[in-house]
Amino acid sequence: MAETSENRPAAAPSGSPRPAGGPPREGRPAGRPGGRPSGPGDRKRRFQIRRKVCRFCVDKTPFIDYKDLKTLKFFITERGKILPRRISGNCARHQREITVAIQRSRNIALLPFSGDKSS
């Protein structure tokens, strides 16, 4: 039985989205986003990121002293900002203690509130 124009489904207008499961649009590469072809080595990591460990937990330091400037300066940037946990690698408990110790040493003028602003 021959199909007539009445029996055929209507063609989708050119501006409508393509039907699900259809072939990819022309001009777009198949595979992963960014044009990189998918392959067997996609799931393999090239290097393993080493997790940072809290140095105070490792040394079993009983407390963080606000007068120990050598230790505290390690956790301050050149501009005088306190390094965040994700960069310093401290646990939450010791990061809070470091913050309190830095604030105390700033209040009694052992550490500056801001770094050297030379422009």
Protein backbone atom coordinates (compact mmCIF):
# COMPACT_ATOMS: atom_id res chain seq x y z
CA MET A 1 0.00 0.00 0.00
CA ALA A 2 1.52 3.31 -1.03
CA GLU A 3 1.73 6.13 1.46
CA THR A 4 0.02 9.30 0.53
CA SER A 5 0.68 12.73 1.94
CA GLU A 6 -2.31 12.24 4.23
CA ASN A 7 -0.90 9.05 5.85
CA ARG A 8 2.66 10.34 6.36
CA PRO A 9 3.53 12.14 9.60
CA ALA A 10 4.11 15.84 9.19
CA ALA A 11 7.75 16.88 8.91
CA ALA A 12 9.06 18.87 11.85
CA PRO A 13 9.79 22.52 11.12
CA SER A 14 13.47 23.38 10.74
CA GLY A 15 13.63 25.42 13.98
CA SER A 16 12.31 22.68 16.29
CA PRO A 17 14.60 20.51 18.40
CA ARG A 18 15.70 17.20 16.99
CA PRO A 19 13.78 14.09 18.07
CA ALA A 20 15.22 12.03 20.91
CA GLY A 21 17.37 9.16 19.78
CA GLY A 22 18.00 10.66 16.36
CA PRO A 23 21.37 11.24 14.76
CA PRO A 24 23.50 14.12 16.08
CA ARG A 25 23.26 17.47 14.38
CA GLU A 26 25.66 18.18 11.61
CA GLY A 27 28.77 20.13 12.52
CA ARG A 28 28.97 18.81 16.08
CA PRO A 29 31.52 16.14 16.95
CA ALA A 30 30.26 12.95 18.46
CA GLY A 31 31.66 11.91 21.82
CA ARG A 32 32.49 13.88 24.93
CA PRO A 33 31.88 17.61 25.27
CA GLY A 34 34.78 19.72 24.14
CA GLY A 35 35.38 17.67 21.01
CA ARG A 36 37.59 15.09 22.70
CA PRO A 37 36.86 11.59 21.46
CA SER A 38 35.80 9.06 24.04
CA GLY A 39 38.06 6.09 24.46
CA PRO A 40 39.14 3.31 26.83
CA GLY A 41 41.42 5.57 28.91
CA ASP A 42 38.73 8.07 29.90
CA ARG A 43 38.19 6.73 33.39
CA LYS A 44 41.88 6.39 34.23
CA ARG A 45 43.40 9.12 36.40
CA ARG A 46 46.89 10.14 35.46
CA PHE A 47 47.95 11.09 38.97
CA GLN A 48 46.57 10.73 42.45
CA ILE A 49 45.99 13.87 44.46
CA ARG A 50 47.62 13.58 47.87
CA ARG A 51 45.32 14.57 50.70
CA LYS A 52 46.67 17.29 52.96
CA VAL A 53 47.09 16.31 56.59
CA CYS A 54 46.75 18.59 59.59
CA ARG A 55 50.25 19.14 60.92
CA PHE A 56 48.98 19.75 64.45
CA CYS A 57 47.13 16.43 64.53
CA VAL A 58 50.21 14.60 63.25
CA ASP A 59 52.52 16.22 65.85
CA LYS A 60 49.88 15.83 68.56
CA THR A 61 50.41 19.46 69.60
CA PRO A 62 48.48 20.09 72.84
CA PHE A 63 47.61 23.73 71.98
CA ILE A 64 48.48 26.50 69.56
CA ASP A 65 50.29 29.37 71.27
CA TYR A 66 49.53 32.92 70.15
CA LYS A 67 53.11 33.94 71.08
CA ASP A 68 54.67 31.41 68.67
CA LEU A 69 55.09 33.77 65.70
CA LYS A 70 57.19 31.35 63.68
CA THR A 71 54.28 28.89 63.48
CA LEU A 72 51.59 31.53 63.00
CA LYS A 73 53.36 33.29 60.12
CA PHE A 74 53.12 30.06 58.13
CA PHE A 75 49.32 30.49 58.08
CA ILE A 76 49.26 34.14 56.98
CA THR A 77 49.66 35.51 53.44
CA GLU A 78 51.90 38.42 52.49
CA ARG A 79 48.91 40.74 52.68
CA GLY A 80 48.09 39.59 56.22
CA LYS A 81 45.13 37.35 55.43
CA ILE A 82 44.61 34.02 57.20
CA LEU A 83 45.00 31.04 54.86
CA PRO A 84 41.83 28.97 54.45
CA ARG A 85 41.58 25.36 55.52
CA ARG A 86 41.59 23.94 52.01
CA ILE A 87 44.99 25.52 51.34
CA SER A 88 46.68 25.08 54.71
CA GLY A 89 45.43 21.50 55.14
CA ASN A 90 44.38 21.90 58.77
CA CYS A 91 41.45 20.15 60.36
CA ALA A 92 38.48 22.30 61.39
CA ARG A 93 39.37 22.28 65.07
CA HIS A 94 42.95 23.41 64.59
CA GLN A 95 41.96 25.98 61.96
CA ARG A 96 39.67 27.61 64.51
CA GLU A 97 42.48 27.59 67.09
CA ILE A 98 44.90 29.14 64.58
CA THR A 99 42.39 31.88 63.77
CA VAL A 100 41.94 32.72 67.45
CA ALA A 101 45.71 32.69 68.04
CA ILE A 102 46.35 35.01 65.08
CA GLN A 103 43.64 37.41 66.26
CA ARG A 104 45.11 37.47 69.76
CA SER A 105 48.62 38.10 68.51
CA ARG A 106 47.32 40.92 66.29
CA ASN A 107 45.57 42.56 69.23
CA ILE A 108 48.75 42.74 71.29
CA ALA A 109 50.75 43.89 68.22
CA LEU A 110 52.85 40.77 67.69
CA LEU A 111 51.46 40.35 64.17
CA PRO A 112 50.32 43.11 61.81
CA PHE A 113 46.67 43.43 60.82
CA SER A 114 47.67 43.94 57.19
CA GLY A 115 50.74 43.23 55.15
CA ASP A 116 53.11 45.66 53.50
CA LYS A 117 51.21 47.65 50.88
CA SER A 118 53.83 48.79 48.41
CA SER A 119 52.46 49.93 45.07
